[in-house]
C-alpha atoms as a PDB file:
ATOM      1  CA  MET A   1     -66.488 155.037  55.932  1.00  0.00           C
ATOM      2  CA  SER A   2     -63.368 155.257  56.972  1.00  0.00           C
ATOM      3  CA  LYS A   3     -60.633 157.510  55.067  1.00  0.00           C
ATOM      4  CA  THR A   4     -58.695 154.910  53.462  1.00  0.00           C
ATOM      5  CA  ALA A   5     -62.127 153.553  52.133  1.00  0.00           C
ATOM      6  CA  GLU A   6     -62.701 156.827  50.491  1.00  0.00           C
ATOM      7  CA  ILE A   7     -59.362 157.274  48.952  1.00  0.00           C
ATOM      8  CA  VAL A   8     -59.355 153.771  47.368  1.00  0.00           C
ATOM      9  CA  ARG A   9     -63.040 153.571  46.610  1.00  0.00           C
ATOM     10  CA  PRO A  10     -62.952 155.465  43.072  1.00  0.00           C
ATOM     11  CA  ILE A  11     -59.736 153.197  42.255  1.00  0.00           C
ATOM     12  CA  LEU A  12     -62.052 150.119  42.917  1.00  0.00           C
ATOM     13  CA  LEU A  13     -64.861 151.326  40.873  1.00  0.00           C
ATOM     14  CA  GLN A  14     -62.683 151.806  37.781  1.00  0.00           C
ATOM     15  CA  MET A  15     -62.043 147.969  37.793  1.00  0.00           C
ATOM     16  CA  ARG A  16     -64.357 145.260  36.508  1.00  0.00           C
ATOM     17  CA  PRO A  17     -66.489 143.390  38.962  1.00  0.00           C
ATOM     18  CA  ILE A  18     -66.904 139.871  40.335  1.00  0.00           C
ATOM     19  CA  SER A  19     -69.822 138.775  41.799  1.00  0.00           C
ATOM     20  CA  LEU A  20     -70.119 136.719  45.056  1.00  0.00           C
ATOM     21  CA  ASP A  21     -71.626 133.934  42.546  1.00  0.00           C
ATOM     22  CA  GLU A  22     -68.776 134.300  39.865  1.00  0.00           C
ATOM     23  CA  MET A  23     -66.496 133.769  42.627  1.00  0.00           C
ATOM     24  CA  SER A  24     -67.731 130.270  43.405  1.00  0.00           C
ATOM     25  CA  SER A  25     -65.011 128.585  41.209  1.00  0.00           C
ATOM     26  CA  VAL A  26     -61.973 130.735  42.684  1.00  0.00           C
ATOM     27  CA  LYS A  27     -62.476 129.071  46.519  1.00  0.00           C
ATOM     28  CA  LEU A  28     -59.205 127.744  46.585  1.00  0.00           C
ATOM     29  CA  MET A  29     -59.932 126.083  49.751  1.00  0.00           C
ATOM     30  CA  LYS A  30     -56.343 124.119  49.546  1.00  0.00           C
ATOM     31  CA  ARG A  31     -53.853 126.676  48.639  1.00  0.00           C
ATOM     32  CA  ASN A  32     -50.436 128.422  48.590  1.00  0.00           C
ATOM     33  CA  ASP A  33     -51.035 131.638  50.450  1.00  0.00           C
ATOM     34  CA  THR A  34     -48.286 134.176  50.663  1.00  0.00           C
ATOM     35  CA  LYS A  35     -48.718 137.344  53.094  1.00  0.00           C
ATOM     36  CA  TYR A  36     -47.313 140.756  52.609  1.00  0.00           C
ATOM     37  CA  VAL A  37     -47.617 144.005  54.955  1.00  0.00           C
ATOM     38  CA  THR A  38     -47.631 147.652  53.500  1.00  0.00           C
ATOM     39  CA  ASN A  39     -49.197 150.835  54.298  1.00  0.00           C
ATOM     40  CA  VAL A  40     -51.583 152.990  52.348  1.00  0.00           C
ATOM     41  CA  SER A  41     -49.410 154.774  49.947  1.00  0.00           C
ATOM     42  CA  LYS A  42     -48.562 151.906  48.761  1.00  0.00           C
ATOM     43  CA  LEU A  43     -52.099 150.419  48.537  1.00  0.00           C
ATOM     44  CA  ILE A  44     -52.560 153.358  46.499  1.00  0.00           C
ATOM     45  CA  GLU A  45     -50.181 152.586  43.668  1.00  0.00           C
ATOM     46  CA  LEU A  46     -50.913 148.799  43.235  1.00  0.00           C
ATOM     47  CA  LEU A  47     -54.247 149.300  42.882  1.00  0.00           C
ATOM     48  CA  GLU A  48     -53.826 151.877  40.194  1.00  0.00           C
ATOM     49  CA  LEU A  49     -51.320 149.151  38.531  1.00  0.00           C
ATOM     50  CA  VAL A  50     -53.314 146.117  38.768  1.00  0.00           C
ATOM     51  CA  ARG A  51     -56.698 147.961  38.059  1.00  0.00           C
ATOM     52  CA  HIS A  52     -56.566 146.632  34.168  1.00  0.00           C
ATOM     53  CA  SER A  53     -55.698 142.774  35.240  1.00  0.00           C
ATOM     54  CA  TYR A  54     -58.030 142.062  38.089  1.00  0.00           C
ATOM     55  CA  PHE A  55     -61.724 141.952  38.784  1.00  0.00           C
ATOM     56  CA  VAL A  56     -62.943 143.403  41.821  1.00  0.00           C
ATOM     57  CA  GLN A  57     -65.523 141.239  44.181  1.00  0.00           C
ATOM     58  CA  GLU A  58     -68.750 143.434  44.832  1.00  0.00           C
ATOM     59  CA  ILE A  59     -71.708 142.674  47.196  1.00  0.00           C
ATOM     60  CA  ASP A  60     -74.496 145.243  46.211  1.00  0.00           C
ATOM     61  CA  GLY A  61     -72.484 147.375  44.278  1.00  0.00           C
ATOM     62  CA  ASN A  62     -69.848 147.607  46.943  1.00  0.00           C
ATOM     63  CA  PRO A  63     -66.221 146.773  46.493  1.00  0.00           C
ATOM     64  CA  ILE A  64     -65.401 146.881  50.128  1.00  0.00           C
ATOM     65  CA  SER A  65     -66.408 144.144  52.524  1.00  0.00           C
ATOM     66  CA  GLN A  66     -66.425 143.969  56.504  1.00  0.00           C
ATOM     67  CA  TYR A  67     -65.329 141.253  58.677  1.00  0.00           C
ATOM     68  CA  ARG A  68     -65.422 140.286  61.927  1.00  0.00           C
ATOM     69  CA  THR A  69     -63.771 137.416  63.561  1.00  0.00           C
ATOM     70  CA  LEU A  70     -63.562 135.542  66.987  1.00  0.00           C
ATOM     71  CA  TYR A  71     -60.629 133.206  67.401  1.00  0.00           C
ATOM     72  CA  TRP A  72     -60.783 130.267  70.103  1.00  0.00           C
ATOM     73  CA  ASP A  73     -57.655 129.114  71.683  1.00  0.00           C
ATOM     74  CA  THR A  74     -56.789 126.887  74.590  1.00  0.00           C
ATOM     75  CA  PRO A  75     -56.968 128.332  78.222  1.00  0.00           C
ATOM     76  CA  ASP A  76     -52.406 127.717  77.909  1.00  0.00           C
ATOM     77  CA  LYS A  77     -52.440 129.299  74.551  1.00  0.00           C
ATOM     78  CA  HIS A  78     -51.770 126.659  72.843  1.00  0.00           C
ATOM     79  CA  HIS A  79     -52.481 127.712  69.580  1.00  0.00           C
ATOM     80  CA  TYR A  80     -50.537 131.281  70.181  1.00  0.00           C
ATOM     81  CA  PHE A  81     -47.099 129.798  71.630  1.00  0.00           C
ATOM     82  CA  LEU A  82     -46.857 126.434  69.945  1.00  0.00           C
ATOM     83  CA  ILE A  83     -48.043 127.129  66.540  1.00  0.00           C
ATOM     84  CA  HIS A  84     -46.887 130.796  66.360  1.00  0.00           C
ATOM     85  CA  GLU A  85     -44.472 132.126  68.668  1.00  0.00           C
ATOM     86  CA  GLN A  86     -42.077 128.752  68.173  1.00  0.00           C
ATOM     87  CA  GLY A  87     -42.524 128.814  64.469  1.00  0.00           C
ATOM     88  CA  ARG A  88     -43.768 125.162  64.486  1.00  0.00           C
ATOM     89  CA  LYS A  89     -45.619 123.437  62.117  1.00  0.00           C
ATOM     90  CA  PRO A  90     -48.367 122.374  61.207  1.00  0.00           C
ATOM     91  CA  ARG A  91     -50.667 125.021  62.082  1.00  0.00           C
ATOM     92  CA  VAL A  92     -54.159 124.713  63.664  1.00  0.00           C
ATOM     93  CA  LYS A  93     -56.785 128.160  63.864  1.00  0.00           C
ATOM     94  CA  VAL A  94     -60.485 128.037  65.427  1.00  0.00           C
ATOM     95  CA  ARG A  95     -61.971 130.597  64.609  1.00  0.00           C
ATOM     96  CA  MET A  96     -65.568 132.068  64.024  1.00  0.00           C
ATOM     97  CA  ARG A  97     -66.000 134.244  60.894  1.00  0.00           C
ATOM     98  CA  GLN A  98     -68.551 136.857  60.081  1.00  0.00           C
ATOM     99  CA  TYR A  99     -69.474 138.466  56.873  1.00  0.00           C
ATOM    100  CA  VAL A 100     -70.880 141.741  58.022  1.00  0.00           C
ATOM    101  CA  ASN A 101     -72.585 142.538  54.245  1.00  0.00           C
ATOM    102  CA  THR A 102     -73.951 139.833  53.769  1.00  0.00           C
ATOM    103  CA  ASN A 103     -74.892 138.443  57.225  1.00  0.00           C
ATOM    104  CA  VAL A 104     -73.071 135.483  56.697  1.00  0.00           C
ATOM    105  CA  ALA A 105     -71.314 133.449  59.505  1.00  0.00           C
ATOM    106  CA  PHE A 106     -68.993 130.271  59.667  1.00  0.00           C
ATOM    107  CA  LEU A 107     -66.923 128.421  62.183  1.00  0.00           C
ATOM    108  CA  GLU A 108     -63.616 127.768  60.704  1.00  0.00           C
ATOM    109  CA  ILE A 109     -60.713 125.333  61.240  1.00  0.00           C
ATOM    110  CA  LYS A 110     -57.580 126.249  59.140  1.00  0.00           C
ATOM    111  CA  ARG A 111     -54.824 124.100  58.778  1.00  0.00           C
ATOM    112  CA  LYS A 112     -51.387 125.253  57.249  1.00  0.00           C
ATOM    113  CA  ASP A 113     -49.072 121.933  56.862  1.00  0.00           C
ATOM    114  CA  ASN A 114     -45.562 121.624  56.522  1.00  0.00           C
ATOM    115  CA  HIS A 115     -45.151 122.302  53.092  1.00  0.00           C
ATOM    116  CA  GLY A 116     -47.114 125.490  53.147  1.00  0.00           C
ATOM    117  CA  LYS A 117     -50.223 124.270  51.951  1.00  0.00           C
ATOM    118  CA  THR A 118     -53.395 126.029  53.532  1.00  0.00           C
ATOM    119  CA  ARG A 119     -56.481 123.929  54.088  1.00  0.00           C
ATOM    120  CA  LYS A 120     -59.818 125.507  55.021  1.00  0.00           C
ATOM    121  CA  ARG A 121     -62.844 123.512  56.311  1.00  0.00           C
ATOM    122  CA  ARG A 122     -65.797 125.254  57.380  1.00  0.00           C
ATOM    123  CA  VAL A 123     -69.454 124.944  58.720  1.00  0.00           C
ATOM    124  CA  LYS A 124     -72.358 127.812  58.312  1.00  0.00           C
ATOM    125  CA  ILE A 125     -73.413 129.115  61.486  1.00  0.00           C
ATOM    126  CA  PRO A 126     -75.839 131.706  62.921  1.00  0.00           C
ATOM    127  CA  PHE A 127     -75.452 135.402  62.039  1.00  0.00           C
ATOM    128  CA  TYR A 128     -75.798 137.143  65.084  1.00  0.00           C
ATOM    129  CA  SER A 129     -74.802 141.162  66.133  1.00  0.00           C
ATOM    130  CA  GLY A 130     -72.387 140.163  69.095  1.00  0.00           C
ATOM    131  CA  LEU A 131     -69.375 137.462  68.149  1.00  0.00           C
ATOM    132  CA  GLU A 132     -69.629 135.590  71.459  1.00  0.00           C
ATOM    133  CA  SER A 133     -73.391 134.632  70.921  1.00  0.00           C
ATOM    134  CA  ASN A 134     -72.367 132.148  68.476  1.00  0.00           C
ATOM    135  CA  SER A 135     -70.001 130.409  71.132  1.00  0.00           C
ATOM    136  CA  TYR A 136     -71.343 126.699  71.157  1.00  0.00           C
ATOM    137  CA  THR A 137     -72.312 126.654  67.724  1.00  0.00           C
ATOM    138  CA  GLY A 138     -71.008 124.197  65.496  1.00  0.00           C
ATOM    139  CA  GLU A 139     -70.093 121.693  68.315  1.00  0.00           C
ATOM    140  CA  ASP A 140     -70.219 118.509  66.107  1.00  0.00           C
ATOM    141  CA  PHE A 141     -67.682 120.051  63.493  1.00  0.00           C
ATOM    142  CA  LEU A 142     -65.468 120.863  65.931  1.00  0.00           C
ATOM    143  CA  GLN A 143     -65.557 117.433  67.547  1.00  0.00           C
ATOM    144  CA  GLU A 144     -65.045 115.874  64.352  1.00  0.00           C
ATOM    145  CA  GLU A 145     -62.498 118.166  62.701  1.00  0.00           C
ATOM    146  CA  LEU A 146     -60.311 118.341  66.028  1.00  0.00           C
ATOM    147  CA  GLY A 147     -61.520 115.705  68.652  1.00  0.00           C
ATOM    148  CA  ILE A 148     -62.127 118.569  71.360  1.00  0.00           C
ATOM    149  CA  THR A 149     -65.118 120.765  72.146  1.00  0.00           C
ATOM    150  CA  PHE A 150     -65.929 124.180  73.270  1.00  0.00           C
ATOM    151  CA  LYS A 151     -64.999 123.108  76.643  1.00  0.00           C
ATOM    152  CA  ASP A 152     -61.873 122.661  75.693  1.00  0.00           C
ATOM    153  CA  LEU A 153     -61.645 126.346  74.379  1.00  0.00           C
ATOM    154  CA  ILE A 154     -61.919 129.989  75.281  1.00  0.00           C
ATOM    155  CA  ALA A 155     -62.630 133.179  73.134  1.00  0.00           C
ATOM    156  CA  THR A 156     -59.226 135.003  72.898  1.00  0.00           C
ATOM    157  CA  THR A 157     -58.938 137.972  70.628  1.00  0.00           C
ATOM    158  CA  SER A 158     -61.633 139.315  68.353  1.00  0.00           C
ATOM    159  CA  ASN A 159     -60.709 141.561  65.153  1.00  0.00           C
ATOM    160  CA  SER A 160     -62.472 143.453  62.619  1.00  0.00           C
ATOM    161  CA  PHE A 161     -61.615 144.957  59.338  1.00  0.00           C
ATOM    162  CA  SER A 162     -62.047 146.033  56.082  1.00  0.00           C
ATOM    163  CA  ARG A 163     -61.142 143.867  52.916  1.00  0.00           C
ATOM    164  CA  ILE A 164     -60.838 144.145  49.252  1.00  0.00           C
ATOM    165  CA  THR A 165     -60.856 141.328  47.072  1.00  0.00           C
ATOM    166  CA  LEU A 166     -59.577 141.006  43.562  1.00  0.00           C
ATOM    167  CA  VAL A 167     -59.019 138.210  41.205  1.00  0.00           C
ATOM    168  CA  ASN A 168     -56.998 137.413  38.109  1.00  0.00           C
ATOM    169  CA  PHE A 169     -58.737 137.521  34.792  1.00  0.00           C
ATOM    170  CA  GLU A 170     -57.592 133.751  34.376  1.00  0.00           C
ATOM    171  CA  LYS A 171     -59.392 132.695  37.762  1.00  0.00           C
ATOM    172  CA  THR A 172     -56.335 130.838  39.078  1.00  0.00           C
ATOM    173  CA  GLU A 173     -55.390 133.173  42.005  1.00  0.00           C
ATOM    174  CA  ARG A 174     -56.798 135.384  44.562  1.00  0.00           C
ATOM    175  CA  VAL A 175     -55.933 138.381  46.480  1.00  0.00           C
ATOM    176  CA  THR A 176     -57.193 139.731  49.722  1.00  0.00           C
ATOM    177  CA  ILE A 177     -56.651 143.195  51.029  1.00  0.00           C
ATOM    178  CA  ASP A 178     -57.317 144.041  54.692  1.00  0.00           C
ATOM    179  CA  PHE A 179     -56.764 147.511  56.255  1.00  0.00           C
ATOM    180  CA  ASP A 180     -58.610 149.290  59.218  1.00  0.00           C
ATOM    181  CA  LEU A 181     -57.408 146.170  61.575  1.00  0.00           C
ATOM    182  CA  GLU A 182     -58.941 146.522  65.464  1.00  0.00           C
ATOM    183  CA  PHE A 183     -58.671 144.455  67.566  1.00  0.00           C
ATOM    184  CA  TYR A 184     -60.004 143.256  71.042  1.00  0.00           C
ATOM    185  CA  ASN A 185     -58.855 141.030  73.567  1.00  0.00           C
ATOM    186  CA  ASN A 186     -62.142 139.062  75.689  1.00  0.00           C
ATOM    187  CA  GLU A 187     -59.803 138.426  78.547  1.00  0.00           C
ATOM    188  CA  THR A 188     -57.878 141.343  78.906  1.00  0.00           C
ATOM    189  CA  ARG A 189     -60.715 143.638  77.872  1.00  0.00           C
ATOM    190  CA  GLN A 190     -58.030 145.967  75.783  1.00  0.00           C
ATOM    191  CA  SER A 191     -58.235 146.817  72.204  1.00  0.00           C
ATOM    192  CA  HIS A 192     -55.707 148.053  69.742  1.00  0.00           C
ATOM    193  CA  ALA A 193     -55.904 149.483  66.073  1.00  0.00           C
ATOM    194  CA  LEU A 194     -53.229 149.590  63.089  1.00  0.00           C
ATOM    195  CA  PRO A 195     -55.128 152.239  60.703  1.00  0.00           C
ATOM    196  CA  HIS A 196     -52.104 152.291  58.663  1.00  0.00           C
ATOM    197  CA  ASN A 197     -50.946 149.200  57.824  1.00  0.00           C
ATOM    198  CA  VAL A 198     -52.157 147.053  54.971  1.00  0.00           C
ATOM    199  CA  ILE A 199     -51.873 143.022  54.598  1.00  0.00           C
ATOM    200  CA  ILE A 200     -52.163 141.779  51.580  1.00  0.00           C
ATOM    201  CA  GLU A 201     -52.731 137.763  50.789  1.00  0.00           C
ATOM    202  CA  LEU A 202     -51.724 135.727  47.833  1.00  0.00           C
ATOM    203  CA  LYS A 203     -53.774 133.156  47.345  1.00  0.00           C
ATOM    204  CA  ARG A 204     -52.444 130.685  44.665  1.00  0.00           C
ATOM    205  CA  ASP A 205     -53.880 126.920  43.413  1.00  0.00           C
ATOM    206  CA  GLY A 206     -49.885 125.626  43.400  1.00  0.00           C
ATOM    207  CA  ARG A 207     -47.682 128.326  41.403  1.00  0.00           C
ATOM    208  CA  THR A 208     -49.687 129.158  38.745  1.00  0.00           C
ATOM    209  CA  SER A 209     -48.119 132.480  37.348  1.00  0.00           C
ATOM    210  CA  SER A 210     -49.186 135.503  38.719  1.00  0.00           C
ATOM    211  CA  PRO A 211     -49.619 139.140  37.718  1.00  0.00           C
ATOM    212  CA  LEU A 212     -49.307 140.674  40.900  1.00  0.00           C
ATOM    213  CA  LEU A 213     -45.962 139.172  42.056  1.00  0.00           C
ATOM    214  CA  ALA A 214     -43.898 141.631  39.737  1.00  0.00           C
ATOM    215  CA  ILE A 215     -46.194 144.740  40.633  1.00  0.00           C
ATOM    216  CA  LEU A 216     -44.912 143.753  44.466  1.00  0.00           C
ATOM    217  CA  ARG A 217     -41.639 143.570  43.520  1.00  0.00           C
ATOM    218  CA  GLN A 218     -41.708 147.041  41.485  1.00  0.00           C
ATOM    219  CA  LEU A 219     -43.234 148.584  44.385  1.00  0.00           C
ATOM    220  CA  ARG A 220     -40.791 146.509  46.702  1.00  0.00           C
ATOM    221  CA  ILE A 221     -43.332 145.071  48.709  1.00  0.00           C
ATOM    222  CA  LYS A 222     -42.271 141.910  50.285  1.00  0.00           C
ATOM    223  CA  PRO A 223     -43.029 138.900  51.985  1.00  0.00           C
ATOM    224  CA  SER A 224     -43.994 138.837  55.719  1.00  0.00           C
ATOM    225  CA  GLY A 225     -45.605 137.033  57.998  1.00  0.00           C
ATOM    226  CA  PHE A 226     -48.738 138.205  59.465  1.00  0.00           C
ATOM    227  CA  SER A 227     -51.138 136.076  61.705  1.00  0.00           C
ATOM    228  CA  LYS A 228     -54.232 138.617  62.584  1.00  0.00           C
ATOM    229  CA  TYR A 229     -54.722 135.993  66.000  1.00  0.00           C
ATOM    230  CA  VAL A 230     -50.918 136.205  67.088  1.00  0.00           C
ATOM    231  CA  ILE A 231     -50.188 139.744  66.285  1.00  0.00           C
ATOM    232  CA  GLY A 232     -53.778 141.316  68.107  1.00  0.00           C
ATOM    233  CA  SER A 233     -52.955 138.823  70.720  1.00  0.00           C
ATOM    234  CA  ALA A 234     -49.625 139.929  71.533  1.00  0.00           C
ATOM    235  CA  LEU A 235     -51.000 143.860  70.923  1.00  0.00           C
ATOM    236  CA  THR A 236     -54.119 143.312  73.661  1.00  0.00           C
ATOM    237  CA  ASN A 237     -52.690 140.892  75.988  1.00  0.00           C
ATOM    238  CA  PRO A 238     -49.125 142.206  77.961  1.00  0.00           C
ATOM    239  CA  ASP A 239     -48.827 138.992  79.944  1.00  0.00           C
ATOM    240  CA  LEU A 240     -48.262 137.157  76.943  1.00  0.00           C
ATOM    241  CA  ARG A 241     -44.427 135.962  75.979  1.00  0.00           C
ATOM    242  CA  GLN A 242     -43.836 137.944  72.739  1.00  0.00           C
ATOM    243  CA  ASN A 243     -39.836 138.318  72.298  1.00  0.00           C
ATOM    244  CA  ARG A 244     -39.902 136.518  69.064  1.00  0.00           C
ATOM    245  CA  LEU A 245     -42.432 139.092  68.074  1.00  0.00           C
ATOM    246  CA  LYS A 246     -40.856 141.943  69.006  1.00  0.00           C
ATOM    247  CA  LEU A 247     -39.006 142.874  65.760  1.00  0.00           C
ATOM    248  CA  ARG A 248     -41.655 142.404  63.360  1.00  0.00           C
ATOM    249  CA  MET A 249     -43.973 143.954  65.263  1.00  0.00           C
ATOM    250  CA  ARG A 250     -41.256 147.295  65.095  1.00  0.00           C
ATOM    251  CA  HIS A 251     -41.101 146.546  61.430  1.00  0.00           C
ATOM    252  CA  TYR A 252     -44.894 146.871  60.938  1.00  0.00           C
ATOM    253  CA  GLU A 253     -44.977 150.032  63.111  1.00  0.00           C
ATOM    254  CA  LYS A 254     -42.123 151.501  60.568  1.00  0.00           C
ATOM    255  CA  ILE A 255     -44.191 150.392  57.463  1.00  0.00           C
ATOM    256  CA  ALA A 256     -47.154 152.568  59.346  1.00  0.00           C
ATOM    257  CA  LYS A 257     -45.374 155.557  59.600  1.00  0.00           C
ATOM    258  CA  GLN A 258     -44.729 155.873  56.126  1.00  0.00           C
ATOM    259  CA  THR A 259     -47.899 155.521  55.097  1.00  0.00           C
ATOM    260  CA  VAL A 260     -50.358 158.737  55.885  1.00  0.00           C
ATOM    261  CA  PRO A 261     -51.776 160.295  52.791  1.00  0.00           C
ATOM    262  CA  GLN A 262     -51.087 164.184  52.726  1.00  0.00           C
ATOM    263  CA  THR A 263     -54.438 166.107  52.258  1.00  0.00           C
END
């Protein structure tokens, strides 16, 4: 267990739990997403403030889950350049995601339209110990959704991280909190970790009221875009054009330096 997990786990165990089955009504496959980048110190403050108004998802009594993801792109990095670095929409991501705690894996197509609405479609695939073992599973789904096959794509960046999932008592929004991010590039074989950054994503059905928003403002945590695929690729592949990302990555680094809890 990481140092961050050791710090936040006691707070999470004081919250009301919600099971995976109970979470089925809060999937929000079509939603509005807003991301925030903060640090471990702010995360501790936030959890203390929300623990009386949110459920925490637990799996076998564990409020922290482990995730692994492998992203696919075209050989010329169409998704990286066209969609993210140039800021153009609609956006599309192709990824294989493993939910390690439950040994479940999906091939996912994630789209964001011109109105900021996110829609995710996915198909279940076999769970393997290595992400690359899934390489050509779900080909029919990929063909149906995007009109391409895995022959048109290459495995690019993978990541692993720990996740806390919160749900408001009204079950109209879901909050994911990711930390202990690690990236690995399948092309360059380089890796990079962000142990002190925390990525919060607020997922709502439309513009429903959110207890979390007031708390984020109170803690001065502001919206900030963060794509694990784009940032992970930039940090592990120096050959990628990334001028537009440099200012943002310096901002993340500044946030991280404010975070290490005193022991």
